[in-house]
Amino acid sequence: MDTGVRGVRIEFGRRWLAAEDVSRMDVGDVLELDADSLDCVDVYVDGRLHARGEPVVVEGSFGVRVQELIASSTAGPQEGTSTE
């Protein structure tokens, strides 16, 4: 049964890098994100913001406890677009 959902993405933050910076990355490098460690994470469904929540660990795996559902009319930019 096809539900029509193509993908779910959990976003903890973003960092924009120049191509030359990406090419210099090495194993063990740390990329600092634009989000505070206490910020909610964003849950995107089919490229649209669907919910926000807090990161949790469940039996050794990461998860998200949903704190807020986002109305589809205020879902924000689609995947691949930028607000900057």
N, C-alpha and C. Protein backbone atom coordinates (compact mmCIF):
# COMPACT_ATOMS: atom_id res chain seq x y z
N MET A 1 0.84 -1.19 0.00
CA MET A 1 0.00 0.00 0.00
C MET A 1 0.88 1.25 0.00
N ASP A 2 0.70 2.11 -0.96
CA ASP A 2 1.47 3.34 -1.08
C ASP A 2 0.77 4.45 -0.31
N THR A 3 1.45 5.00 0.72
CA THR A 3 0.87 6.08 1.52
C THR A 3 1.14 7.45 0.91
N GLY A 4 1.99 7.50 -0.10
CA GLY A 4 2.31 8.77 -0.73
C GLY A 4 3.46 9.49 -0.07
N VAL A 5 3.91 9.05 1.09
CA VAL A 5 5.03 9.68 1.78
C VAL A 5 6.33 9.20 1.16
N ARG A 6 7.15 10.12 0.68
CA ARG A 6 8.40 9.76 0.04
C ARG A 6 9.59 9.81 0.98
N GLY A 7 9.52 10.59 2.02
CA GLY A 7 10.67 10.66 2.90
C GLY A 7 10.43 11.49 4.14
N VAL A 8 11.12 11.12 5.20
CA VAL A 8 11.09 11.88 6.44
C VAL A 8 12.53 12.28 6.75
N ARG A 9 12.73 13.54 7.07
CA ARG A 9 14.06 14.05 7.40
C ARG A 9 13.98 14.76 8.75
N ILE A 10 14.93 14.45 9.62
CA ILE A 10 15.03 15.11 10.91
C ILE A 10 16.21 16.07 10.84
N GLU A 11 15.98 17.33 11.14
CA GLU A 11 17.03 18.33 11.01
C GLU A 11 17.35 18.94 12.37
N PHE A 12 18.60 18.78 12.79
CA PHE A 12 19.06 19.31 14.07
C PHE A 12 19.62 20.72 13.92
N GLY A 13 19.98 21.12 12.75
CA GLY A 13 20.55 22.43 12.50
C GLY A 13 21.17 22.43 11.12
N ARG A 14 21.69 23.56 10.74
CA ARG A 14 22.32 23.69 9.42
C ARG A 14 23.65 24.38 9.54
N ARG A 15 24.46 24.14 8.54
CA ARG A 15 25.75 24.82 8.42
C ARG A 15 26.05 24.93 6.94
N TRP A 16 26.22 26.12 6.45
CA TRP A 16 26.55 26.35 5.05
C TRP A 16 28.06 26.42 4.91
N LEU A 17 28.61 25.62 4.00
CA LEU A 17 30.06 25.58 3.79
C LEU A 17 30.38 25.81 2.32
N ALA A 18 31.50 26.47 2.09
CA ALA A 18 32.00 26.61 0.73
C ALA A 18 32.53 25.25 0.27
N ALA A 19 32.50 25.02 -1.03
CA ALA A 19 32.97 23.75 -1.59
C ALA A 19 34.41 23.45 -1.17
N GLU A 20 35.25 24.47 -1.10
CA GLU A 20 36.64 24.24 -0.71
C GLU A 20 36.76 23.78 0.74
N ASP A 21 35.85 24.26 1.61
CA ASP A 21 35.85 23.81 3.01
C ASP A 21 35.41 22.35 3.12
N VAL A 22 34.43 21.97 2.31
CA VAL A 22 33.96 20.58 2.30
C VAL A 22 35.08 19.66 1.82
N SER A 23 35.82 20.09 0.81
CA SER A 23 36.88 19.25 0.26
C SER A 23 38.04 19.05 1.25
N ARG A 24 38.15 19.95 2.24
CA ARG A 24 39.22 19.84 3.25
C ARG A 24 38.79 19.04 4.48
N MET A 25 37.53 18.61 4.52
CA MET A 25 37.05 17.87 5.69
C MET A 25 37.78 16.54 5.82
N ASP A 26 37.96 16.11 7.07
CA ASP A 26 38.63 14.85 7.34
C ASP A 26 37.87 14.11 8.44
N VAL A 27 38.12 12.83 8.55
CA VAL A 27 37.51 12.01 9.59
C VAL A 27 37.83 12.63 10.95
N GLY A 28 36.84 12.78 11.78
CA GLY A 28 37.03 13.35 13.11
C GLY A 28 36.76 14.84 13.20
N ASP A 29 36.65 15.53 12.04
CA ASP A 29 36.32 16.95 12.06
C ASP A 29 34.93 17.14 12.66
N VAL A 30 34.72 18.26 13.31
CA VAL A 30 33.43 18.59 13.90
C VAL A 30 32.86 19.80 13.18
N LEU A 31 31.61 19.70 12.74
CA LEU A 31 30.92 20.82 12.11
C LEU A 31 29.95 21.41 13.13
N GLU A 32 30.17 22.67 13.48
CA GLU A 32 29.28 23.33 14.42
C GLU A 32 28.03 23.77 13.68
N LEU A 33 26.87 23.49 14.26
CA LEU A 33 25.59 23.83 13.63
C LEU A 33 25.07 25.15 14.17
N ASP A 34 24.06 25.69 13.50
CA ASP A 34 23.49 26.98 13.89
C ASP A 34 22.42 26.84 14.96
N ALA A 35 22.29 25.66 15.57
CA ALA A 35 21.26 25.42 16.58
C ALA A 35 21.89 25.21 17.95
N ASP A 36 21.18 25.65 18.96
CA ASP A 36 21.60 25.43 20.34
C ASP A 36 21.25 23.98 20.72
N SER A 37 22.00 23.41 21.65
CA SER A 37 21.77 22.01 22.03
C SER A 37 20.40 21.81 22.68
N LEU A 38 19.76 22.87 23.13
CA LEU A 38 18.44 22.76 23.75
C LEU A 38 17.30 23.05 22.77
N ASP A 39 17.64 23.43 21.53
CA ASP A 39 16.62 23.72 20.53
C ASP A 39 15.87 22.45 20.13
N CYS A 40 14.63 22.63 19.69
CA CYS A 40 13.88 21.52 19.13
C CYS A 40 14.45 21.17 17.76
N VAL A 41 14.25 19.94 17.35
CA VAL A 41 14.63 19.51 16.01
C VAL A 41 13.41 19.63 15.11
N ASP A 42 13.65 19.81 13.83
CA ASP A 42 12.56 19.93 12.85
C ASP A 42 12.36 18.59 12.17
N VAL A 43 11.09 18.21 11.98
CA VAL A 43 10.73 16.97 11.30
C VAL A 43 10.07 17.36 9.98
N TYR A 44 10.71 16.99 8.87
CA TYR A 44 10.19 17.27 7.54
C TYR A 44 9.61 16.00 6.94
N VAL A 45 8.44 16.11 6.32
CA VAL A 45 7.81 15.00 5.61
C VAL A 45 7.62 15.46 4.18
N ASP A 46 8.17 14.72 3.24
CA ASP A 46 8.12 15.09 1.83
C ASP A 46 8.62 16.51 1.60
N GLY A 47 9.66 16.91 2.34
CA GLY A 47 10.29 18.20 2.14
C GLY A 47 9.59 19.37 2.81
N ARG A 48 8.51 19.12 3.53
CA ARG A 48 7.79 20.20 4.21
C ARG A 48 7.85 20.01 5.72
N LEU A 49 8.04 21.11 6.44
CA LEU A 49 8.08 21.06 7.89
C LEU A 49 6.74 20.55 8.41
N HIS A 50 6.79 19.48 9.20
CA HIS A 50 5.57 18.84 9.69
C HIS A 50 5.44 18.92 11.21
N ALA A 51 6.59 18.90 11.92
CA ALA A 51 6.56 18.89 13.38
C ALA A 51 7.89 19.38 13.94
N ARG A 52 7.88 19.68 15.24
CA ARG A 52 9.10 19.99 15.98
C ARG A 52 9.09 19.13 17.24
N GLY A 53 10.27 18.77 17.68
CA GLY A 53 10.33 17.94 18.87
C GLY A 53 11.69 17.95 19.51
N GLU A 54 11.82 17.19 20.59
CA GLU A 54 13.09 17.11 21.29
C GLU A 54 13.77 15.78 20.98
N PRO A 55 15.10 15.82 20.79
CA PRO A 55 15.82 14.57 20.55
C PRO A 55 15.82 13.73 21.82
N VAL A 56 15.64 12.42 21.65
CA VAL A 56 15.67 11.48 22.76
C VAL A 56 16.46 10.24 22.34
N VAL A 57 16.87 9.46 23.32
CA VAL A 57 17.51 8.17 23.05
C VAL A 57 16.56 7.08 23.52
N VAL A 58 16.25 6.14 22.62
CA VAL A 58 15.34 5.04 22.92
C VAL A 58 16.09 3.74 22.67
N GLU A 59 16.39 3.02 23.74
CA GLU A 59 17.09 1.74 23.65
C GLU A 59 18.34 1.84 22.78
N GLY A 60 19.11 2.90 22.98
CA GLY A 60 20.37 3.07 22.28
C GLY A 60 20.28 3.70 20.90
N SER A 61 19.08 4.04 20.45
CA SER A 61 18.89 4.69 19.15
C SER A 61 18.32 6.09 19.36
N PHE A 62 18.62 6.99 18.42
CA PHE A 62 18.05 8.33 18.49
C PHE A 62 16.59 8.31 18.06
N GLY A 63 15.83 9.21 18.64
CA GLY A 63 14.43 9.39 18.27
C GLY A 63 14.05 10.84 18.48
N VAL A 64 12.79 11.16 18.20
CA VAL A 64 12.27 12.52 18.40
C VAL A 64 10.94 12.42 19.13
N ARG A 65 10.82 13.12 20.25
CA ARG A 65 9.55 13.24 20.96
C ARG A 65 8.86 14.47 20.41
N VAL A 66 7.73 14.28 19.74
CA VAL A 66 7.03 15.39 19.08
C VAL A 66 6.46 16.33 20.13
N GLN A 67 6.78 17.62 19.99
CA GLN A 67 6.31 18.66 20.89
C GLN A 67 5.28 19.58 20.23
N GLU A 68 5.33 19.66 18.90
CA GLU A 68 4.47 20.60 18.17
C GLU A 68 4.23 20.07 16.76
N LEU A 69 2.97 20.09 16.34
CA LEU A 69 2.63 19.79 14.95
C LEU A 69 2.45 21.10 14.21
N ILE A 70 2.94 21.17 13.00
CA ILE A 70 2.90 22.40 12.21
C ILE A 70 1.78 22.29 11.20
N ALA A 71 0.90 23.29 11.16
CA ALA A 71 -0.19 23.31 10.18
C ALA A 71 0.40 23.40 8.78
N SER A 72 -0.19 22.70 7.83
CA SER A 72 0.36 22.65 6.47
C SER A 72 0.43 24.01 5.81
N SER A 73 -0.45 24.94 6.17
CA SER A 73 -0.42 26.27 5.54
C SER A 73 0.76 27.11 6.02
N THR A 74 1.39 26.72 7.14
CA THR A 74 2.54 27.46 7.66
C THR A 74 3.79 26.59 7.64
N ALA A 75 3.83 25.64 6.72
CA ALA A 75 4.88 24.63 6.73
C ALA A 75 6.24 25.15 6.30
N GLY A 76 6.34 26.33 5.75
CA GLY A 76 7.64 26.87 5.39
C GLY A 76 8.12 26.40 4.03
N PRO A 77 9.41 26.64 3.74
CA PRO A 77 9.96 26.33 2.42
C PRO A 77 10.04 24.85 2.15
N GLN A 78 9.93 24.50 0.89
CA GLN A 78 10.11 23.11 0.48
C GLN A 78 11.59 22.77 0.48
N GLU A 79 11.87 21.47 0.50
CA GLU A 79 13.25 20.99 0.44
C GLU A 79 13.92 21.55 -0.80
N GLY A 80 15.17 21.96 -0.62
CA GLY A 80 15.93 22.49 -1.75
C GLY A 80 15.82 24.00 -1.90
N THR A 81 14.98 24.61 -1.07
CA THR A 81 14.90 26.07 -1.11
C THR A 81 15.59 26.63 0.12
N SER A 82 15.92 27.89 0.09
CA SER A 82 16.65 28.50 1.19
C SER A 82 15.93 29.75 1.64
N THR A 83 15.99 30.00 2.94
CA THR A 83 15.40 31.23 3.46
C THR A 83 16.47 32.26 3.76
N GLU A 84 17.73 31.95 3.42
CA GLU A 84 18.83 32.88 3.69
C GLU A 84 19.19 33.66 2.46
